[in-house]
Amino acid sequence: MADRRPNPTPAPKYLGLVAQVKKRKDSFIQLFLMTGVLLLSMRSVGQKYRIKDLQDDTTALKEENGALASRMESIKQRLLQEAALEPTGFFASKLSVIFNESAPSPSSSSDS
Protein backbone atom coordinates (compact mmCIF):
# COMPACT_ATOMS: atom_id res chain seq x y z
CA MET A 1 0.00 0.00 0.00
CA ALA A 2 1.18 3.36 -0.83
CA ASP A 3 1.52 5.87 1.92
CA ARG A 4 -0.81 8.71 1.18
CA ARG A 5 0.30 11.74 3.07
CA PRO A 6 -0.84 15.16 2.00
CA ASN A 7 1.87 17.15 0.35
CA PRO A 8 3.21 19.60 2.89
CA THR A 9 2.46 23.12 1.79
CA PRO A 10 5.36 25.47 2.03
CA ALA A 11 5.17 27.89 4.93
CA PRO A 12 4.13 31.34 3.77
CA LYS A 13 7.02 33.68 3.45
CA TYR A 14 6.59 36.89 5.32
CA LEU A 15 8.05 39.86 3.60
CA GLY A 16 10.12 42.33 5.55
CA LEU A 17 9.00 45.90 6.02
CA VAL A 18 11.10 47.22 3.16
CA ALA A 19 9.77 44.54 0.82
CA GLN A 20 6.20 45.32 1.90
CA VAL A 21 6.78 49.00 1.20
CA LYS A 22 8.18 48.26 -2.23
CA LYS A 23 5.32 45.92 -3.01
CA ARG A 24 2.56 48.29 -1.84
CA LYS A 25 4.25 51.62 -2.41
CA ASP A 26 1.04 53.50 -3.28
CA SER A 27 -0.74 52.30 -0.15
CA PHE A 28 2.11 53.40 2.09
CA ILE A 29 2.32 56.80 0.44
CA GLN A 30 -1.41 57.21 0.95
CA LEU A 31 -1.08 56.13 4.59
CA PHE A 32 1.69 58.68 5.24
CA LEU A 33 -0.25 61.46 3.55
CA MET A 34 -3.42 60.67 5.50
CA THR A 35 -1.45 60.52 8.74
CA GLY A 36 0.10 63.90 7.95
CA VAL A 37 -3.32 65.42 7.26
CA LEU A 38 -4.66 63.94 10.50
CA LEU A 39 -1.78 65.35 12.54
CA LEU A 40 -2.14 68.78 10.95
CA SER A 41 -5.87 68.72 11.64
CA MET A 42 -5.29 67.83 15.28
CA ARG A 43 -2.75 70.65 15.62
CA SER A 44 -5.16 73.07 13.96
CA VAL A 45 -7.95 72.15 16.36
CA GLY A 46 -5.59 72.62 19.30
CA GLN A 47 -4.58 76.04 18.03
CA LYS A 48 -8.22 76.97 17.50
CA TYR A 49 -9.04 76.27 21.12
CA ARG A 50 -5.88 78.07 22.24
CA ILE A 51 -6.93 81.16 20.28
CA LYS A 52 -10.41 80.98 21.84
CA ASP A 53 -8.89 80.79 25.32
CA LEU A 54 -6.60 83.73 24.57
CA GLN A 55 -9.54 85.80 23.31
CA ASP A 56 -11.45 85.01 26.50
CA ASP A 57 -8.41 86.02 28.55
CA THR A 58 -8.11 89.27 26.58
CA THR A 59 -11.76 90.11 27.22
CA ALA A 60 -11.40 89.38 30.94
CA LEU A 61 -8.23 91.48 31.15
CA LYS A 62 -9.88 94.42 29.38
CA GLU A 63 -12.81 94.28 31.81
CA GLU A 64 -10.44 94.10 34.76
CA ASN A 65 -8.39 96.99 33.34
CA GLY A 66 -11.54 99.10 33.03
CA ALA A 67 -12.56 98.28 36.59
CA LEU A 68 -9.09 99.14 37.93
CA ALA A 69 -8.96 102.40 35.98
CA SER A 70 -12.38 103.35 37.34
CA ARG A 71 -11.30 102.49 40.87
CA MET A 72 -8.07 104.50 40.54
CA GLU A 73 -10.01 107.52 39.26
CA SER A 74 -12.45 107.21 42.16
CA ILE A 75 -9.60 107.07 44.69
CA LYS A 76 -7.91 110.02 43.03
CA GLN A 77 -11.09 112.11 43.17
CA ARG A 78 -11.66 111.25 46.85
CA LEU A 79 -8.08 112.21 47.69
CA LEU A 80 -8.44 115.52 45.87
CA GLN A 81 -11.77 116.22 47.64
CA GLU A 82 -10.26 115.50 51.04
CA ALA A 83 -7.20 117.62 50.23
CA ALA A 84 -9.43 120.51 49.11
CA LEU A 85 -11.02 120.55 52.57
CA GLU A 86 -7.64 121.40 54.12
CA PRO A 87 -7.55 125.20 54.65
CA THR A 88 -3.93 125.86 53.59
CA GLY A 89 -4.21 124.12 50.20
CA PHE A 90 -0.77 122.59 50.66
CA PHE A 91 -1.95 118.98 50.22
CA ALA A 92 -4.15 119.88 47.26
CA SER A 93 -1.21 121.45 45.44
CA LYS A 94 1.03 118.46 46.22
CA LEU A 95 -1.61 116.03 44.97
CA SER A 96 -2.03 118.08 41.81
CA VAL A 97 1.69 117.76 41.18
CA ILE A 98 1.60 114.04 41.90
CA PHE A 99 -1.38 113.48 39.61
CA ASN A 100 0.06 115.78 36.91
CA GLU A 101 -2.93 118.06 37.13
CA SER A 102 -2.56 121.56 35.78
CA ALA A 103 -2.12 123.66 38.88
CA PRO A 104 0.17 126.62 39.20
CA SER A 105 3.25 125.71 41.15
CA PRO A 106 5.61 128.25 42.68
CA SER A 107 8.69 126.68 41.07
CA SER A 108 7.34 127.01 37.51
CA SER A 109 6.47 130.70 37.90
CA SER A 110 9.91 131.57 39.29
CA ASP A 111 11.71 129.81 36.38
CA SER A 112 10.40 132.33 33.84
C-alpha atoms as a PDB file:
ATOM      1  CA  MET A   1       0.000   0.000   0.000  1.00  0.00           C
ATOM      2  CA  ALA A   2       1.178   3.360  -0.834  1.00  0.00           C
ATOM      3  CA  ASP A   3       1.522   5.874   1.920  1.00  0.00           C
ATOM      4  CA  ARG A   4      -0.812   8.710   1.182  1.00  0.00           C
ATOM      5  CA  ARG A   5       0.297  11.741   3.067  1.00  0.00           C
ATOM      6  CA  PRO A   6      -0.840  15.159   1.998  1.00  0.00           C
ATOM      7  CA  ASN A   7       1.869  17.148   0.351  1.00  0.00           C
ATOM      8  CA  PRO A   8       3.207  19.602   2.887  1.00  0.00           C
ATOM      9  CA  THR A   9       2.460  23.121   1.786  1.00  0.00           C
ATOM     10  CA  PRO A  10       5.364  25.472   2.031  1.00  0.00           C
ATOM     11  CA  ALA A  11       5.171  27.893   4.929  1.00  0.00           C
ATOM     12  CA  PRO A  12       4.133  31.340   3.768  1.00  0.00           C
ATOM     13  CA  LYS A  13       7.024  33.685   3.448  1.00  0.00           C
ATOM     14  CA  TYR A  14       6.594  36.892   5.324  1.00  0.00           C
ATOM     15  CA  LEU A  15       8.052  39.859   3.596  1.00  0.00           C
ATOM     16  CA  GLY A  16      10.117  42.333   5.545  1.00  0.00           C
ATOM     17  CA  LEU A  17       8.999  45.895   6.018  1.00  0.00           C
ATOM     18  CA  VAL A  18      11.100  47.223   3.157  1.00  0.00           C
ATOM     19  CA  ALA A  19       9.773  44.537   0.820  1.00  0.00           C
ATOM     20  CA  GLN A  20       6.199  45.321   1.899  1.00  0.00           C
ATOM     21  CA  VAL A  21       6.776  49.005   1.202  1.00  0.00           C
ATOM     22  CA  LYS A  22       8.179  48.257  -2.230  1.00  0.00           C
ATOM     23  CA  LYS A  23       5.318  45.917  -3.009  1.00  0.00           C
ATOM     24  CA  ARG A  24       2.559  48.293  -1.844  1.00  0.00           C
ATOM     25  CA  LYS A  25       4.249  51.620  -2.405  1.00  0.00           C
ATOM     26  CA  ASP A  26       1.043  53.497  -3.277  1.00  0.00           C
ATOM     27  CA  SER A  27      -0.741  52.301  -0.150  1.00  0.00           C
ATOM     28  CA  PHE A  28       2.115  53.396   2.094  1.00  0.00           C
ATOM     29  CA  ILE A  29       2.317  56.801   0.442  1.00  0.00           C
ATOM     30  CA  GLN A  30      -1.410  57.214   0.945  1.00  0.00           C
ATOM     31  CA  LEU A  31      -1.077  56.131   4.585  1.00  0.00           C
ATOM     32  CA  PHE A  32       1.692  58.675   5.244  1.00  0.00           C
ATOM     33  CA  LEU A  33      -0.251  61.458   3.548  1.00  0.00           C
ATOM     34  CA  MET A  34      -3.421  60.670   5.500  1.00  0.00           C
ATOM     35  CA  THR A  35      -1.449  60.515   8.741  1.00  0.00           C
ATOM     36  CA  GLY A  36       0.098  63.903   7.950  1.00  0.00           C
ATOM     37  CA  VAL A  37      -3.317  65.419   7.264  1.00  0.00           C
ATOM     38  CA  LEU A  38      -4.661  63.940  10.498  1.00  0.00           C
ATOM     39  CA  LEU A  39      -1.775  65.347  12.540  1.00  0.00           C
ATOM     40  CA  LEU A  40      -2.141  68.780  10.945  1.00  0.00           C
ATOM     41  CA  SER A  41      -5.873  68.720  11.637  1.00  0.00           C
ATOM     42  CA  MET A  42      -5.286  67.833  15.278  1.00  0.00           C
ATOM     43  CA  ARG A  43      -2.751  70.647  15.616  1.00  0.00           C
ATOM     44  CA  SER A  44      -5.159  73.068  13.959  1.00  0.00           C
ATOM     45  CA  VAL A  45      -7.950  72.154  16.357  1.00  0.00           C
ATOM     46  CA  GLY A  46      -5.595  72.616  19.302  1.00  0.00           C
ATOM     47  CA  GLN A  47      -4.584  76.044  18.029  1.00  0.00           C
ATOM     48  CA  LYS A  48      -8.225  76.972  17.496  1.00  0.00           C
ATOM     49  CA  TYR A  49      -9.044  76.272  21.120  1.00  0.00           C
ATOM     50  CA  ARG A  50      -5.877  78.066  22.243  1.00  0.00           C
ATOM     51  CA  ILE A  51      -6.931  81.160  20.280  1.00  0.00           C
ATOM     52  CA  LYS A  52     -10.406  80.976  21.836  1.00  0.00           C
ATOM     53  CA  ASP A  53      -8.886  80.788  25.323  1.00  0.00           C
ATOM     54  CA  LEU A  54      -6.597  83.734  24.573  1.00  0.00           C
ATOM     55  CA  GLN A  55      -9.538  85.798  23.312  1.00  0.00           C
ATOM     56  CA  ASP A  56     -11.452  85.013  26.497  1.00  0.00           C
ATOM     57  CA  ASP A  57      -8.409  86.021  28.554  1.00  0.00           C
ATOM     58  CA  THR A  58      -8.106  89.266  26.581  1.00  0.00           C
ATOM     59  CA  THR A  59     -11.756  90.107  27.215  1.00  0.00           C
ATOM     60  CA  ALA A  60     -11.401  89.378  30.937  1.00  0.00           C
ATOM     61  CA  LEU A  61      -8.230  91.477  31.155  1.00  0.00           C
ATOM     62  CA  LYS A  62      -9.884  94.415  29.376  1.00  0.00           C
ATOM     63  CA  GLU A  63     -12.805  94.278  31.808  1.00  0.00           C
ATOM     64  CA  GLU A  64     -10.436  94.099  34.757  1.00  0.00           C
ATOM     65  CA  ASN A  65      -8.392  96.986  33.338  1.00  0.00           C
ATOM     66  CA  GLY A  66     -11.537  99.099  33.034  1.00  0.00           C
ATOM     67  CA  ALA A  67     -12.560  98.284  36.595  1.00  0.00           C
ATOM     68  CA  LEU A  68      -9.093  99.142  37.930  1.00  0.00           C
ATOM     69  CA  ALA A  69      -8.957 102.404  35.978  1.00  0.00           C
ATOM     70  CA  SER A  70     -12.377 103.353  37.345  1.00  0.00           C
ATOM     71  CA  ARG A  71     -11.304 102.486  40.873  1.00  0.00           C
ATOM     72  CA  MET A  72      -8.075 104.504  40.540  1.00  0.00           C
ATOM     73  CA  GLU A  73     -10.007 107.521  39.259  1.00  0.00           C
ATOM     74  CA  SER A  74     -12.445 107.208  42.156  1.00  0.00           C
ATOM     75  CA  ILE A  75      -9.600 107.066  44.692  1.00  0.00           C
ATOM     76  CA  LYS A  76      -7.910 110.018  43.033  1.00  0.00           C
ATOM     77  CA  GLN A  77     -11.094 112.111  43.171  1.00  0.00           C
ATOM     78  CA  ARG A  78     -11.657 111.253  46.847  1.00  0.00           C
ATOM     79  CA  LEU A  79      -8.078 112.208  47.687  1.00  0.00           C
ATOM     80  CA  LEU A  80      -8.444 115.519  45.873  1.00  0.00           C
ATOM     81  CA  GLN A  81     -11.765 116.217  47.639  1.00  0.00           C
ATOM     82  CA  GLU A  82     -10.255 115.504  51.042  1.00  0.00           C
ATOM     83  CA  ALA A  83      -7.203 117.618  50.229  1.00  0.00           C
ATOM     84  CA  ALA A  84      -9.434 120.505  49.107  1.00  0.00           C
ATOM     85  CA  LEU A  85     -11.022 120.552  52.572  1.00  0.00           C
ATOM     86  CA  GLU A  86      -7.641 121.396  54.124  1.00  0.00           C
ATOM     87  CA  PRO A  87      -7.552 125.196  54.649  1.00  0.00           C
ATOM     88  CA  THR A  88      -3.930 125.863  53.585  1.00  0.00           C
ATOM     89  CA  GLY A  89      -4.213 124.124  50.196  1.00  0.00           C
ATOM     90  CA  PHE A  90      -0.771 122.585  50.660  1.00  0.00           C
ATOM     91  CA  PHE A  91      -1.949 118.980  50.222  1.00  0.00           C
ATOM     92  CA  ALA A  92      -4.149 119.878  47.255  1.00  0.00           C
ATOM     93  CA  SER A  93      -1.212 121.452  45.440  1.00  0.00           C
ATOM     94  CA  LYS A  94       1.029 118.465  46.217  1.00  0.00           C
ATOM     95  CA  LEU A  95      -1.615 116.033  44.970  1.00  0.00           C
ATOM     96  CA  SER A  96      -2.029 118.080  41.809  1.00  0.00           C
ATOM     97  CA  VAL A  97       1.693 117.760  41.184  1.00  0.00           C
ATOM     98  CA  ILE A  98       1.601 114.040  41.902  1.00  0.00           C
ATOM     99  CA  PHE A  99      -1.377 113.476  39.608  1.00  0.00           C
ATOM    100  CA  ASN A 100       0.065 115.783  36.908  1.00  0.00           C
ATOM    101  CA  GLU A 101      -2.927 118.064  37.135  1.00  0.00           C
ATOM    102  CA  SER A 102      -2.555 121.563  35.781  1.00  0.00           C
ATOM    103  CA  ALA A 103      -2.123 123.661  38.877  1.00  0.00           C
ATOM    104  CA  PRO A 104       0.172 126.621  39.199  1.00  0.00           C
ATOM    105  CA  SER A 105       3.248 125.706  41.149  1.00  0.00           C
ATOM    106  CA  PRO A 106       5.612 128.250  42.679  1.00  0.00           C
ATOM    107  CA  SER A 107       8.692 126.682  41.071  1.00  0.00           C
ATOM    108  CA  SER A 108       7.336 127.005  37.512  1.00  0.00           C
ATOM    109  CA  SER A 109       6.470 130.699  37.897  1.00  0.00           C
ATOM    110  CA  SER A 110       9.915 131.568  39.290  1.00  0.00           C
ATOM    111  CA  ASP A 111      11.706 129.808  36.383  1.00  0.00           C
ATOM    112  CA  SER A 112      10.402 132.327  33.837  1.00  0.00           C
END
